[in-house]
Amino acid sequence: MSEATVRAAIKALLESVTGIGTVHDYRRTSRSLPTILQLMRSGGTVNGWQIYREKMPTGRDSTHTVRKEHHFRIDGIYELDDSAGSEKTFQALIDTIFTKFLTDQTLGDVVINTDPL
């Protein structure tokens, strides 16, 4: 499957998670930290995610078919409020993302398999 199709499937899966915040399907950059934080805002707090491909190893199998592996990275940033214990909320969000990938290992039949996060 194409990189764009896999990326879109990852984005859709992330967006299905309650409380996920803003999901960008590419790495956001800026020379300004306040600009980056603004890009990652959702509902008045910093809660954002970005998806990007880190590498794409390829090889041929016994039938000389070229096989590609898309290795994506998902970075999340979450505004913590110590008095509210929001770090626990962030950890629960990560667990929910893990479970979503575990229960849909083919990303809706877009890929053969996803490795555990």
PDB file of N, CA and C in Angstrom:
ATOM      1  N   MET A   1       0.844  -1.177   0.000  1.00  0.00           N
ATOM      2  CA  MET A   1       0.000   0.000   0.000  1.00  0.00           C
ATOM      3  C   MET A   1       0.889   1.240   0.000  1.00  0.00           C
ATOM      4  N   SER A   2       0.373   2.302  -0.549  1.00  0.00           N
ATOM      5  CA  SER A   2       1.156   3.532  -0.630  1.00  0.00           C
ATOM      6  C   SER A   2       1.360   4.150   0.757  1.00  0.00           C
ATOM      7  N   GLU A   3       2.405   4.928   0.860  1.00  0.00           N
ATOM      8  CA  GLU A   3       2.694   5.621   2.123  1.00  0.00           C
ATOM      9  C   GLU A   3       1.529   6.517   2.517  1.00  0.00           C
ATOM     10  N   ALA A   4       0.964   7.220   1.557  1.00  0.00           N
ATOM     11  CA  ALA A   4      -0.142   8.142   1.846  1.00  0.00           C
ATOM     12  C   ALA A   4      -1.367   7.396   2.380  1.00  0.00           C
ATOM     13  N   THR A   5      -1.639   6.225   1.846  1.00  0.00           N
ATOM     14  CA  THR A   5      -2.782   5.427   2.300  1.00  0.00           C
ATOM     15  C   THR A   5      -2.572   4.928   3.724  1.00  0.00           C
ATOM     16  N   VAL A   6      -1.362   4.465   4.014  1.00  0.00           N
ATOM     17  CA  VAL A   6      -1.056   3.989   5.364  1.00  0.00           C
ATOM     18  C   VAL A   6      -1.127   5.147   6.354  1.00  0.00           C
ATOM     19  N   ARG A   7      -0.554   6.277   5.984  1.00  0.00           N
ATOM     20  CA  ARG A   7      -0.577   7.459   6.853  1.00  0.00           C
ATOM     21  C   ARG A   7      -2.021   7.869   7.153  1.00  0.00           C
ATOM     22  N   ALA A   8      -2.873   7.869   6.136  1.00  0.00           N
ATOM     23  CA  ALA A   8      -4.276   8.247   6.324  1.00  0.00           C
ATOM     24  C   ALA A   8      -4.989   7.265   7.258  1.00  0.00           C
ATOM     25  N   ALA A   9      -4.663   5.986   7.143  1.00  0.00           N
ATOM     26  CA  ALA A   9      -5.281   4.981   8.014  1.00  0.00           C
ATOM     27  C   ALA A   9      -4.841   5.173   9.468  1.00  0.00           C
ATOM     28  N   ILE A  10      -3.577   5.502   9.674  1.00  0.00           N
ATOM     29  CA  ILE A  10      -3.088   5.760  11.030  1.00  0.00           C
ATOM     30  C   ILE A  10      -3.798   6.985  11.604  1.00  0.00           C
ATOM     31  N   LYS A  11      -3.922   8.024  10.794  1.00  0.00           N
ATOM     32  CA  LYS A  11      -4.597   9.242  11.247  1.00  0.00           C
ATOM     33  C   LYS A  11      -6.047   8.945  11.628  1.00  0.00           C
ATOM     34  N   ALA A  12      -6.742   8.185  10.797  1.00  0.00           N
ATOM     35  CA  ALA A  12      -8.135   7.843  11.078  1.00  0.00           C
ATOM     36  C   ALA A  12      -8.259   7.045  12.369  1.00  0.00           C
ATOM     37  N   LEU A  13      -7.354   6.105  12.577  1.00  0.00           N
ATOM     38  CA  LEU A  13      -7.399   5.313  13.807  1.00  0.00           C
ATOM     39  C   LEU A  13      -7.177   6.215  15.018  1.00  0.00           C
ATOM     40  N   LEU A  14      -6.179   7.092  14.944  1.00  0.00           N
ATOM     41  CA  LEU A  14      -5.925   7.997  16.069  1.00  0.00           C
ATOM     42  C   LEU A  14      -7.124   8.896  16.332  1.00  0.00           C
ATOM     43  N   GLU A  15      -7.726   9.410  15.283  1.00  0.00           N
ATOM     44  CA  GLU A  15      -8.869  10.311  15.455  1.00  0.00           C
ATOM     45  C   GLU A  15     -10.096   9.610  16.027  1.00  0.00           C
ATOM     46  N   SER A  16     -10.094   8.285  16.019  1.00  0.00           N
ATOM     47  CA  SER A  16     -11.217   7.547  16.603  1.00  0.00           C
ATOM     48  C   SER A  16     -11.087   7.413  18.125  1.00  0.00           C
ATOM     49  N   VAL A  17      -9.967   7.848  18.679  1.00  0.00           N
ATOM     50  CA  VAL A  17      -9.730   7.759  20.123  1.00  0.00           C
ATOM     51  C   VAL A  17     -10.350   8.979  20.815  1.00  0.00           C
ATOM     52  N   THR A  18     -11.223   8.738  21.766  1.00  0.00           N
ATOM     53  CA  THR A  18     -11.843   9.820  22.520  1.00  0.00           C
ATOM     54  C   THR A  18     -10.777  10.605  23.277  1.00  0.00           C
ATOM     55  N   GLY A  19     -10.807  11.930  23.136  1.00  0.00           N
ATOM     56  CA  GLY A  19      -9.863  12.788  23.837  1.00  0.00           C
ATOM     57  C   GLY A  19      -8.519  12.948  23.164  1.00  0.00           C
ATOM     58  N   ILE A  20      -8.398  12.470  21.921  1.00  0.00           N
ATOM     59  CA  ILE A  20      -7.098  12.473  21.241  1.00  0.00           C
ATOM     60  C   ILE A  20      -6.577  13.876  20.969  1.00  0.00           C
ATOM     61  N   GLY A  21      -7.435  14.847  20.807  1.00  0.00           N
ATOM     62  CA  GLY A  21      -6.962  16.190  20.497  1.00  0.00           C
ATOM     63  C   GLY A  21      -6.732  16.356  18.999  1.00  0.00           C
ATOM     64  N   THR A  22      -5.754  17.177  18.652  1.00  0.00           N
ATOM     65  CA  THR A  22      -5.451  17.477  17.256  1.00  0.00           C
ATOM     66  C   THR A  22      -4.484  16.435  16.705  1.00  0.00           C
ATOM     67  N   VAL A  23      -4.797  15.883  15.525  1.00  0.00           N
ATOM     68  CA  VAL A  23      -3.917  14.906  14.880  1.00  0.00           C
ATOM     69  C   VAL A  23      -3.463  15.478  13.542  1.00  0.00           C
ATOM     70  N   HIS A  24      -2.167  15.620  13.388  1.00  0.00           N
ATOM     71  CA  HIS A  24      -1.577  16.095  12.136  1.00  0.00           C
ATOM     72  C   HIS A  24      -0.965  14.901  11.420  1.00  0.00           C
ATOM     73  N   ASP A  25      -1.193  14.815  10.118  1.00  0.00           N
ATOM     74  CA  ASP A  25      -0.660  13.674   9.378  1.00  0.00           C
ATOM     75  C   ASP A  25       0.706  13.964   8.755  1.00  0.00           C
ATOM     76  N   TYR A  26       1.417  14.901   9.344  1.00  0.00           N
ATOM     77  CA  TYR A  26       2.811  15.167   8.979  1.00  0.00           C
ATOM     78  C   TYR A  26       3.484  15.891  10.135  1.00  0.00           C
ATOM     79  N   ARG A  27       4.812  15.895  10.107  1.00  0.00           N
ATOM     80  CA  ARG A  27       5.568  16.532  11.191  1.00  0.00           C
ATOM     81  C   ARG A  27       5.460  18.042  11.076  1.00  0.00           C
ATOM     82  N   ARG A  28       4.951  18.667  12.115  1.00  0.00           N
ATOM     83  CA  ARG A  28       4.795  20.124  12.143  1.00  0.00           C
ATOM     84  C   ARG A  28       6.088  20.757  12.637  1.00  0.00           C
ATOM     85  N   THR A  29       6.477  21.840  11.992  1.00  0.00           N
ATOM     86  CA  THR A  29       7.700  22.527  12.367  1.00  0.00           C
ATOM     87  C   THR A  29       7.478  24.029  12.389  1.00  0.00           C
ATOM     88  N   SER A  30       8.308  24.695  13.149  1.00  0.00           N
ATOM     89  CA  SER A  30       8.301  26.146  13.210  1.00  0.00           C
ATOM     90  C   SER A  30       9.575  26.590  13.916  1.00  0.00           C
ATOM     91  N   ARG A  31       9.978  27.789  13.653  1.00  0.00           N
ATOM     92  CA  ARG A  31      11.117  28.358  14.384  1.00  0.00           C
ATOM     93  C   ARG A  31      10.685  28.860  15.754  1.00  0.00           C
ATOM     94  N   SER A  32       9.405  28.859  15.988  1.00  0.00           N
ATOM     95  CA  SER A  32       8.851  29.425  17.217  1.00  0.00           C
ATOM     96  C   SER A  32       8.151  28.344  18.038  1.00  0.00           C
ATOM     97  N   LEU A  33       8.594  28.156  19.269  1.00  0.00           N
ATOM     98  CA  LEU A  33       7.941  27.199  20.159  1.00  0.00           C
ATOM     99  C   LEU A  33       6.478  27.562  20.405  1.00  0.00           C
ATOM    100  N   PRO A  34       6.140  28.849  20.632  1.00  0.00           N
ATOM    101  CA  PRO A  34       4.717  29.180  20.805  1.00  0.00           C
ATOM    102  C   PRO A  34       3.867  28.783  19.588  1.00  0.00           C
ATOM    103  N   THR A  35       4.419  28.888  18.384  1.00  0.00           N
ATOM    104  CA  THR A  35       3.674  28.490  17.193  1.00  0.00           C
ATOM    105  C   THR A  35       3.421  26.987  17.190  1.00  0.00           C
ATOM    106  N   ILE A  36       4.436  26.209  17.535  1.00  0.00           N
ATOM    107  CA  ILE A  36       4.269  24.755  17.615  1.00  0.00           C
ATOM    108  C   ILE A  36       3.202  24.407  18.651  1.00  0.00           C
ATOM    109  N   LEU A  37       3.270  25.036  19.809  1.00  0.00           N
ATOM    110  CA  LEU A  37       2.281  24.750  20.851  1.00  0.00           C
ATOM    111  C   LEU A  37       0.874  25.125  20.397  1.00  0.00           C
ATOM    112  N   GLN A  38       0.755  26.213  19.636  1.00  0.00           N
ATOM    113  CA  GLN A  38      -0.557  26.607  19.114  1.00  0.00           C
ATOM    114  C   GLN A  38      -1.081  25.572  18.123  1.00  0.00           C
ATOM    115  N   LEU A  39      -0.192  25.029  17.290  1.00  0.00           N
ATOM    116  CA  LEU A  39      -0.591  23.996  16.321  1.00  0.00           C
ATOM    117  C   LEU A  39      -1.080  22.725  17.019  1.00  0.00           C
ATOM    118  N   MET A  40      -0.605  22.518  18.235  1.00  0.00           N
ATOM    119  CA  MET A  40      -0.941  21.306  18.977  1.00  0.00           C
ATOM    120  C   MET A  40      -2.063  21.529  19.992  1.00  0.00           C
ATOM    121  N   ARG A  41      -2.745  22.656  19.912  1.00  0.00           N
ATOM    122  CA  ARG A  41      -3.825  22.953  20.845  1.00  0.00           C
ATOM    123  C   ARG A  41      -5.128  22.291  20.406  1.00  0.00           C
ATOM    124  N   SER A  42      -5.888  21.893  21.405  1.00  0.00           N
ATOM    125  CA  SER A  42      -7.210  21.321  21.177  1.00  0.00           C
ATOM    126  C   SER A  42      -8.045  21.604  22.412  1.00  0.00           C
ATOM    127  N   GLY A  43      -9.178  22.238  22.227  1.00  0.00           N
ATOM    128  CA  GLY A  43     -10.053  22.522  23.357  1.00  0.00           C
ATOM    129  C   GLY A  43      -9.411  23.401  24.421  1.00  0.00           C
ATOM    130  N   GLY A  44      -8.518  24.290  24.010  1.00  0.00           N
ATOM    131  CA  GLY A  44      -7.901  25.216  24.949  1.00  0.00           C
ATOM    132  C   GLY A  44      -6.649  24.710  25.641  1.00  0.00           C
ATOM    133  N   THR A  45      -6.291  23.457  25.438  1.00  0.00           N
ATOM    134  CA  THR A  45      -5.066  22.923  26.036  1.00  0.00           C
ATOM    135  C   THR A  45      -4.185  22.307  24.960  1.00  0.00           C
ATOM    136  N   VAL A  46      -2.922  22.129  25.282  1.00  0.00           N
ATOM    137  CA  VAL A  46      -1.999  21.472  24.359  1.00  0.00           C
ATOM    138  C   VAL A  46      -2.284  19.976  24.406  1.00  0.00           C
ATOM    139  N   ASN A  47      -2.723  19.440  23.292  1.00  0.00           N
ATOM    140  CA  ASN A  47      -3.044  18.016  23.158  1.00  0.00           C
ATOM    141  C   ASN A  47      -2.991  17.701  21.670  1.00  0.00           C
ATOM    142  N   GLY A  48      -1.794  17.381  21.194  1.00  0.00           N
ATOM    143  CA  GLY A  48      -1.632  17.172  19.767  1.00  0.00           C
ATOM    144  C   GLY A  48      -0.727  16.007  19.431  1.00  0.00           C
ATOM    145  N   TRP A  49      -0.908  15.511  18.232  1.00  0.00           N
ATOM    146  CA  TRP A  49      -0.175  14.341  17.752  1.00  0.00           C
ATOM    147  C   TRP A  49       0.266  14.612  16.318  1.00  0.00           C
ATOM    148  N   GLN A  50       1.406  14.037  15.958  1.00  0.00           N
ATOM    149  CA  GLN A  50       1.887  14.141  14.584  1.00  0.00           C
ATOM    150  C   GLN A  50       2.417  12.782  14.139  1.00  0.00           C
ATOM    151  N   ILE A  51       2.171  12.489  12.884  1.00  0.00           N
ATOM    152  CA  ILE A  51       2.519  11.197  12.295  1.00  0.00           C
ATOM    153  C   ILE A  51       3.529  11.460  11.188  1.00  0.00           C
ATOM    154  N   TYR A  52       4.614  10.714  11.178  1.00  0.00           N
ATOM    155  CA  TYR A  52       5.543  10.827  10.050  1.00  0.00           C
ATOM    156  C   TYR A  52       6.329   9.528   9.873  1.00  0.00           C
ATOM    157  N   ARG A  53       6.742   9.307   8.631  1.00  0.00           N
ATOM    158  CA  ARG A  53       7.493   8.091   8.320  1.00  0.00           C
ATOM    159  C   ARG A  53       8.964   8.328   8.634  1.00  0.00           C
ATOM    160  N   GLU A  54       9.523   7.420   9.430  1.00  0.00           N
ATOM    161  CA  GLU A  54      10.940   7.510   9.776  1.00  0.00           C
ATOM    162  C   GLU A  54      11.828   6.806   8.765  1.00  0.00           C
ATOM    163  N   LYS A  55      11.361   5.675   8.259  1.00  0.00           N
ATOM    164  CA  LYS A  55      12.165   4.928   7.292  1.00  0.00           C
ATOM    165  C   LYS A  55      11.283   3.962   6.522  1.00  0.00           C
ATOM    166  N   MET A  56      11.845   3.421   5.449  1.00  0.00           N
ATOM    167  CA  MET A  56      11.109   2.471   4.623  1.00  0.00           C
ATOM    168  C   MET A  56      12.074   1.398   4.099  1.00  0.00           C
ATOM    169  N   PRO A  57      12.388   0.404   4.935  1.00  0.00           N
ATOM    170  CA  PRO A  57      13.232  -0.670   4.442  1.00  0.00           C
ATOM    171  C   PRO A  57      12.508  -1.471   3.360  1.00  0.00           C
ATOM    172  N   THR A  58      13.249  -1.905   2.370  1.00  0.00           N
ATOM    173  CA  THR A  58      12.672  -2.698   1.284  1.00  0.00           C
ATOM    174  C   THR A  58      13.516  -3.949   1.070  1.00  0.00           C
ATOM    175  N   GLY A  59      12.925  -4.913   0.418  1.00  0.00           N
ATOM    176  CA  GLY A  59      13.623  -6.147   0.090  1.00  0.00           C
ATOM    177  C   GLY A  59      12.805  -6.954  -0.892  1.00  0.00           C
ATOM    178  N   ARG A  60      13.401  -8.013  -1.391  1.00  0.00           N
ATOM    179  CA  ARG A  60      12.692  -8.910  -2.313  1.00  0.00           C
ATOM    180  C   ARG A  60      12.458 -10.240  -1.616  1.00  0.00           C
ATOM    181  N   ASP A  61      11.292 -10.816  -1.875  1.00  0.00           N
ATOM    182  CA  ASP A  61      11.022 -12.134  -1.318  1.00  0.00           C
ATOM    183  C   ASP A  61      11.437 -13.202  -2.328  1.00  0.00           C
ATOM    184  N   SER A  62      11.089 -14.459  -2.051  1.00  0.00           N
ATOM    185  CA  SER A  62      11.527 -15.572  -2.909  1.00  0.00           C
ATOM    186  C   SER A  62      10.944 -15.500  -4.318  1.00  0.00           C
ATOM    187  N   THR A  63       9.868 -14.732  -4.505  1.00  0.00           N
ATOM    188  CA  THR A  63       9.286 -14.585  -5.843  1.00  0.00           C
ATOM    189  C   THR A  63       9.748 -13.291  -6.511  1.00  0.00           C
ATOM    190  N   HIS A  64      10.749 -12.647  -5.907  1.00  0.00           N
ATOM    191  CA  HIS A  64      11.324 -11.396  -6.412  1.00  0.00           C
ATOM    192  C   HIS A  64      10.350 -10.218  -6.351  1.00  0.00           C
ATOM    193  N   THR A  65       9.329 -10.360  -5.527  1.00  0.00           N
ATOM    194  CA  THR A  65       8.413  -9.252  -5.303  1.00  0.00           C
ATOM    195  C   THR A  65       9.058  -8.286  -4.317  1.00  0.00           C
ATOM    196  N   VAL A  66       9.022  -7.021  -4.641  1.00  0.00           N
ATOM    197  CA  VAL A  66       9.586  -6.016  -3.739  1.00  0.00           C
ATOM    198  C   VAL A  66       8.605  -5.791  -2.587  1.00  0.00           C
ATOM    199  N   ARG A  67       9.111  -5.904  -1.378  1.00  0.00           N
ATOM    200  CA  ARG A  67       8.310  -5.687  -0.171  1.00  0.00           C
ATOM    201  C   ARG A  67       8.809  -4.418   0.511  1.00  0.00           C
ATOM    202  N   LYS A  68       7.880  -3.552   0.873  1.00  0.00           N
ATOM    203  CA  LYS A  68       8.215  -2.320   1.583  1.00  0.00           C
ATOM    204  C   LYS A  68       7.625  -2.373   2.980  1.00  0.00           C
ATOM    205  N   GLU A  69       8.391  -1.878   3.925  1.00  0.00           N
ATOM    206  CA  GLU A  69       7.893  -1.696   5.283  1.00  0.00           C
ATOM    207  C   GLU A  69       7.903  -0.205   5.565  1.00  0.00           C
ATOM    208  N   HIS A  70       6.763   0.310   5.928  1.00  0.00           N
ATOM    209  CA  HIS A  70       6.686   1.713   6.316  1.00  0.00           C
ATOM    210  C   HIS A  70       6.826   1.783   7.834  1.00  0.00           C
ATOM    211  N   HIS A  71       7.846   2.459   8.304  1.00  0.00           N
ATOM    212  CA  HIS A  71       8.043   2.649   9.738  1.00  0.00           C
ATOM    213  C   HIS A  71       7.646   4.079  10.082  1.00  0.00           C
ATOM    214  N   PHE A  72       6.521   4.196  10.761  1.00  0.00           N
ATOM    215  CA  PHE A  72       5.999   5.514  11.138  1.00  0.00           C
ATOM    216  C   PHE A  72       6.312   5.812  12.596  1.00  0.00           C
ATOM    217  N   ARG A  73       6.409   7.066  12.870  1.00  0.00           N
ATOM    218  CA  ARG A  73       6.564   7.542  14.238  1.00  0.00           C
ATOM    219  C   ARG A  73       5.353   8.410  14.560  1.00  0.00           C
ATOM    220  N   ILE A  74       4.835   8.234  15.764  1.00  0.00           N
ATOM    221  CA  ILE A  74       3.720   9.042  16.244  1.00  0.00           C
ATOM    222  C   ILE A  74       4.209   9.754  17.501  1.00  0.00           C
ATOM    223  N   ASP A  75       4.263  11.066  17.431  1.00  0.00           N
ATOM    224  CA  ASP A  75       4.663  11.869  18.590  1.00  0.00           C
ATOM    225  C   ASP A  75       3.440  12.562  19.157  1.00  0.00           C
ATOM    226  N   GLY A  76       3.325  12.550  20.471  1.00  0.00           N
ATOM    227  CA  GLY A  76       2.229  13.241  21.135  1.00  0.00           C
ATOM    228  C   GLY A  76       2.761  14.238  22.145  1.00  0.00           C
ATOM    229  N   ILE A  77       2.026  15.305  22.302  1.00  0.00           N
ATOM    230  CA  ILE A  77       2.358  16.306  23.315  1.00  0.00           C
ATOM    231  C   ILE A  77       1.063  16.634  24.052  1.00  0.00           C
ATOM    232  N   TYR A  78       1.160  16.700  25.362  1.00  0.00           N
ATOM    233  CA  TYR A  78      -0.035  16.866  26.185  1.00  0.00           C
ATOM    234  C   TYR A  78       0.289  17.816  27.326  1.00  0.00           C
ATOM    235  N   GLU A  79      -0.547  18.802  27.521  1.00  0.00           N
ATOM    236  CA  GLU A  79      -0.341  19.793  28.577  1.00  0.00           C
ATOM    237  C   GLU A  79      -0.681  19.181  29.927  1.00  0.00           C
ATOM    238  N   LEU A  80       0.296  19.160  30.805  1.00  0.00           N
ATOM    239  CA  LEU A  80       0.093  18.557  32.116  1.00  0.00           C
ATOM    240  C   LEU A  80      -0.262  19.614  33.158  1.00  0.00           C
ATOM    241  N   ASP A  81      -1.190  19.254  34.015  1.00  0.00           N
ATOM    242  CA  ASP A  81      -1.605  20.098  35.131  1.00  0.00           C
ATOM    243  C   ASP A  81      -1.416  19.260  36.385  1.00  0.00           C
ATOM    244  N   ASP A  82      -0.355  19.538  37.121  1.00  0.00           N
ATOM    245  CA  ASP A  82      -0.018  18.722  38.284  1.00  0.00           C
ATOM    246  C   ASP A  82      -1.160  18.660  39.291  1.00  0.00           C
ATOM    247  N   SER A  83      -1.831  19.786  39.522  1.00  0.00           N
ATOM    248  CA  SER A  83      -2.900  19.799  40.527  1.00  0.00           C
ATOM    249  C   SER A  83      -4.082  18.916  40.122  1.00  0.00           C
ATOM    250  N   ALA A  84      -4.245  18.689  38.830  1.00  0.00           N
ATOM    251  CA  ALA A  84      -5.335  17.835  38.340  1.00  0.00           C
ATOM    252  C   ALA A  84      -4.876  16.401  38.087  1.00  0.00           C
ATOM    253  N   GLY A  85      -3.578  16.150  38.249  1.00  0.00           N
ATOM    254  CA  GLY A  85      -3.067  14.794  37.992  1.00  0.00           C
ATOM    255  C   GLY A  85      -3.235  14.384  36.541  1.00  0.00           C
ATOM    256  N   SER A  86      -3.143  15.342  35.630  1.00  0.00           N
ATOM    257  CA  SER A  86      -3.435  15.051  34.223  1.00  0.00           C
ATOM    258  C   SER A  86      -2.415  14.134  33.559  1.00  0.00           C
ATOM    259  N   GLU A  87      -1.283  13.896  34.188  1.00  0.00           N
ATOM    260  CA  GLU A  87      -0.329  12.940  33.631  1.00  0.00           C
ATOM    261  C   GLU A  87      -0.964  11.555  33.550  1.00  0.00           C
ATOM    262  N   LYS A  88      -1.840  11.251  34.511  1.00  0.00           N
ATOM    263  CA  LYS A  88      -2.541   9.967  34.484  1.00  0.00           C
ATOM    264  C   LYS A  88      -3.524   9.915  33.317  1.00  0.00           C
ATOM    265  N   THR A  89      -4.138  11.041  32.991  1.00  0.00           N
ATOM    266  CA  THR A  89      -5.040  11.109  31.835  1.00  0.00           C
ATOM    267  C   THR A  89      -4.266  10.852  30.552  1.00  0.00           C
ATOM    268  N   PHE A  90      -3.086  11.455  30.453  1.00  0.00           N
ATOM    269  CA  PHE A  90      -2.237  11.255  29.283  1.00  0.00           C
ATOM    270  C   PHE A  90      -1.825   9.785  29.154  1.00  0.00           C
ATOM    271  N   GLN A  91      -1.452   9.156  30.259  1.00  0.00           N
ATOM    272  CA  GLN A  91      -1.066   7.747  30.222  1.00  0.00           C
ATOM    273  C   GLN A  91      -2.244   6.864  29.798  1.00  0.00           C
ATOM    274  N   ALA A  92      -3.445   7.183  30.272  1.00  0.00           N
ATOM    275  CA  ALA A  92      -4.638   6.435  29.864  1.00  0.00           C
ATOM    276  C   ALA A  92      -4.895   6.606  28.368  1.00  0.00           C
ATOM    277  N   LEU A  93      -4.643   7.799  27.855  1.00  0.00           N
ATOM    278  CA  LEU A  93      -4.799   8.056  26.430  1.00  0.00           C
ATOM    279  C   LEU A  93      -3.830   7.192  25.623  1.00  0.00           C
ATOM    280  N   ILE A  94      -2.599   7.099  26.077  1.00  0.00           N
ATOM    281  CA  ILE A  94      -1.605   6.251  25.409  1.00  0.00           C
ATOM    282  C   ILE A  94      -2.053   4.792  25.437  1.00  0.00           C
ATOM    283  N   ASP A  95      -2.565   4.329  26.565  1.00  0.00           N
ATOM    284  CA  ASP A  95      -3.068   2.951  26.647  1.00  0.00           C
ATOM    285  C   ASP A  95      -4.212   2.720  25.670  1.00  0.00           C
ATOM    286  N   THR A  96      -5.095   3.693  25.528  1.00  0.00           N
ATOM    287  CA  THR A  96      -6.209   3.564  24.583  1.00  0.00           C
ATOM    288  C   THR A  96      -5.693   3.485  23.152  1.00  0.00           C
ATOM    289  N   ILE A  97      -4.710   4.301  22.816  1.00  0.00           N
ATOM    290  CA  ILE A  97      -4.109   4.243  21.473  1.00  0.00           C
ATOM    291  C   ILE A  97      -3.501   2.868  21.240  1.00  0.00           C
ATOM    292  N   PHE A  98      -2.767   2.358  22.207  1.00  0.00           N
ATOM    293  CA  PHE A  98      -2.172   1.030  22.099  1.00  0.00           C
ATOM    294  C   PHE A  98      -3.236  -0.027  21.821  1.00  0.00           C
ATOM    295  N   THR A  99      -4.326   0.028  22.582  1.00  0.00           N
ATOM    296  CA  THR A  99      -5.410  -0.943  22.411  1.00  0.00           C
ATOM    297  C   THR A  99      -6.047  -0.830  21.035  1.00  0.00           C
ATOM    298  N   LYS A 100      -6.229   0.398  20.534  1.00  0.00           N
ATOM    299  CA  LYS A 100      -6.804   0.588  19.186  1.00  0.00           C
ATOM    300  C   LYS A 100      -5.945  -0.091  18.130  1.00  0.00           C
ATOM    301  N   PHE A 101      -4.628   0.092  18.207  1.00  0.00           N
ATOM    302  CA  PHE A 101      -3.735  -0.546  17.242  1.00  0.00           C
ATOM    303  C   PHE A 101      -3.746  -2.061  17.410  1.00  0.00           C
ATOM    304  N   LEU A 102      -3.843  -2.522  18.638  1.00  0.00           N
ATOM    305  CA  LEU A 102      -3.850  -3.956  18.900  1.00  0.00           C
ATOM    306  C   LEU A 102      -5.113  -4.616  18.355  1.00  0.00           C
ATOM    307  N   THR A 103      -6.243  -3.928  18.424  1.00  0.00           N
ATOM    308  CA  THR A 103      -7.501  -4.509  17.962  1.00  0.00           C
ATOM    309  C   THR A 103      -7.738  -4.309  16.465  1.00  0.00           C
ATOM    310  N   ASP A 104      -6.944  -3.475  15.813  1.00  0.00           N
ATOM    311  CA  ASP A 104      -7.058  -3.277  14.360  1.00  0.00           C
ATOM    312  C   ASP A 104      -5.664  -3.324  13.746  1.00  0.00           C
ATOM    313  N   GLN A 105      -5.054  -4.508  13.781  1.00  0.00           N
ATOM    314  CA  GLN A 105      -3.670  -4.662  13.353  1.00  0.00           C
ATOM    315  C   GLN A 105      -3.455  -4.495  11.852  1.00  0.00           C
ATOM    316  N   THR A 106      -4.542  -4.490  11.065  1.00  0.00           N
ATOM    317  CA  THR A 106      -4.395  -4.269   9.620  1.00  0.00           C
ATOM    318  C   THR A 106      -4.845  -2.872   9.206  1.00  0.00           C
ATOM    319  N   LEU A 107      -5.177  -2.042  10.163  1.00  0.00           N
ATOM    320  CA  LEU A 107      -5.662  -0.680   9.885  1.00  0.00           C
ATOM    321  C   LEU A 107      -6.787  -0.698   8.857  1.00  0.00           C
ATOM    322  N   GLY A 108      -7.770  -1.555   9.124  1.00  0.00           N
ATOM    323  CA  GLY A 108      -8.915  -1.655   8.215  1.00  0.00           C
ATOM    324  C   GLY A 108      -8.545  -2.277   6.878  1.00  0.00           C
ATOM    325  N   ASP A 109      -7.665  -3.280   6.916  1.00  0.00           N
ATOM    326  CA  ASP A 109      -7.188  -3.991   5.722  1.00  0.00           C
ATOM    327  C   ASP A 109      -6.330  -3.127   4.805  1.00  0.00           C
ATOM    328  N   VAL A 110      -5.703  -2.117   5.352  1.00  0.00           N
ATOM    329  CA  VAL A 110      -4.797  -1.272   4.563  1.00  0.00           C
ATOM    330  C   VAL A 110      -3.392  -1.862   4.536  1.00  0.00           C
ATOM    331  N   VAL A 111      -2.978  -2.522   5.643  1.00  0.00           N
ATOM    332  CA  VAL A 111      -1.661  -3.108   5.728  1.00  0.00           C
ATOM    333  C   VAL A 111      -1.785  -4.598   6.078  1.00  0.00           C
ATOM    334  N   ILE A 112      -0.707  -5.317   5.898  1.00  0.00           N
ATOM    335  CA  ILE A 112      -0.714  -6.736   6.258  1.00  0.00           C
ATOM    336  C   ILE A 112      -0.747  -6.895   7.771  1.00  0.00           C
ATOM    337  N   ASN A 113       0.046  -6.087   8.477  1.00  0.00           N
ATOM    338  CA  ASN A 113       0.110  -6.191   9.915  1.00  0.00           C
ATOM    339  C   ASN A 113       0.831  -4.965  10.482  1.00  0.00           C
ATOM    340  N   THR A 114       0.473  -4.589  11.690  1.00  0.00           N
ATOM    341  CA  THR A 114       1.225  -3.564  12.399  1.00  0.00           C
ATOM    342  C   THR A 114       1.935  -4.238  13.566  1.00  0.00           C
ATOM    343  N   ASP A 115       3.159  -3.835  13.802  1.00  0.00           N
ATOM    344  CA  ASP A 115       3.881  -4.333  14.962  1.00  0.00           C
ATOM    345  C   ASP A 115       3.336  -3.628  16.188  1.00  0.00           C
ATOM    346  N   PRO A 116       3.476  -4.263  17.365  1.00  0.00           N
ATOM    347  CA  PRO A 116       3.053  -3.579  18.584  1.00  0.00           C
ATOM    348  C   PRO A 116       3.774  -2.238  18.743  1.00  0.00           C
ATOM    349  N   LEU A 117       3.091  -1.295  19.329  1.00  0.00           N
ATOM    350  CA  LEU A 117       3.707   0.019  19.547  1.00  0.00           C
ATOM    351  C   LEU A 117       4.795  -0.100  20.594  1.00  0.00           C
TER     352      LEU A 117
END
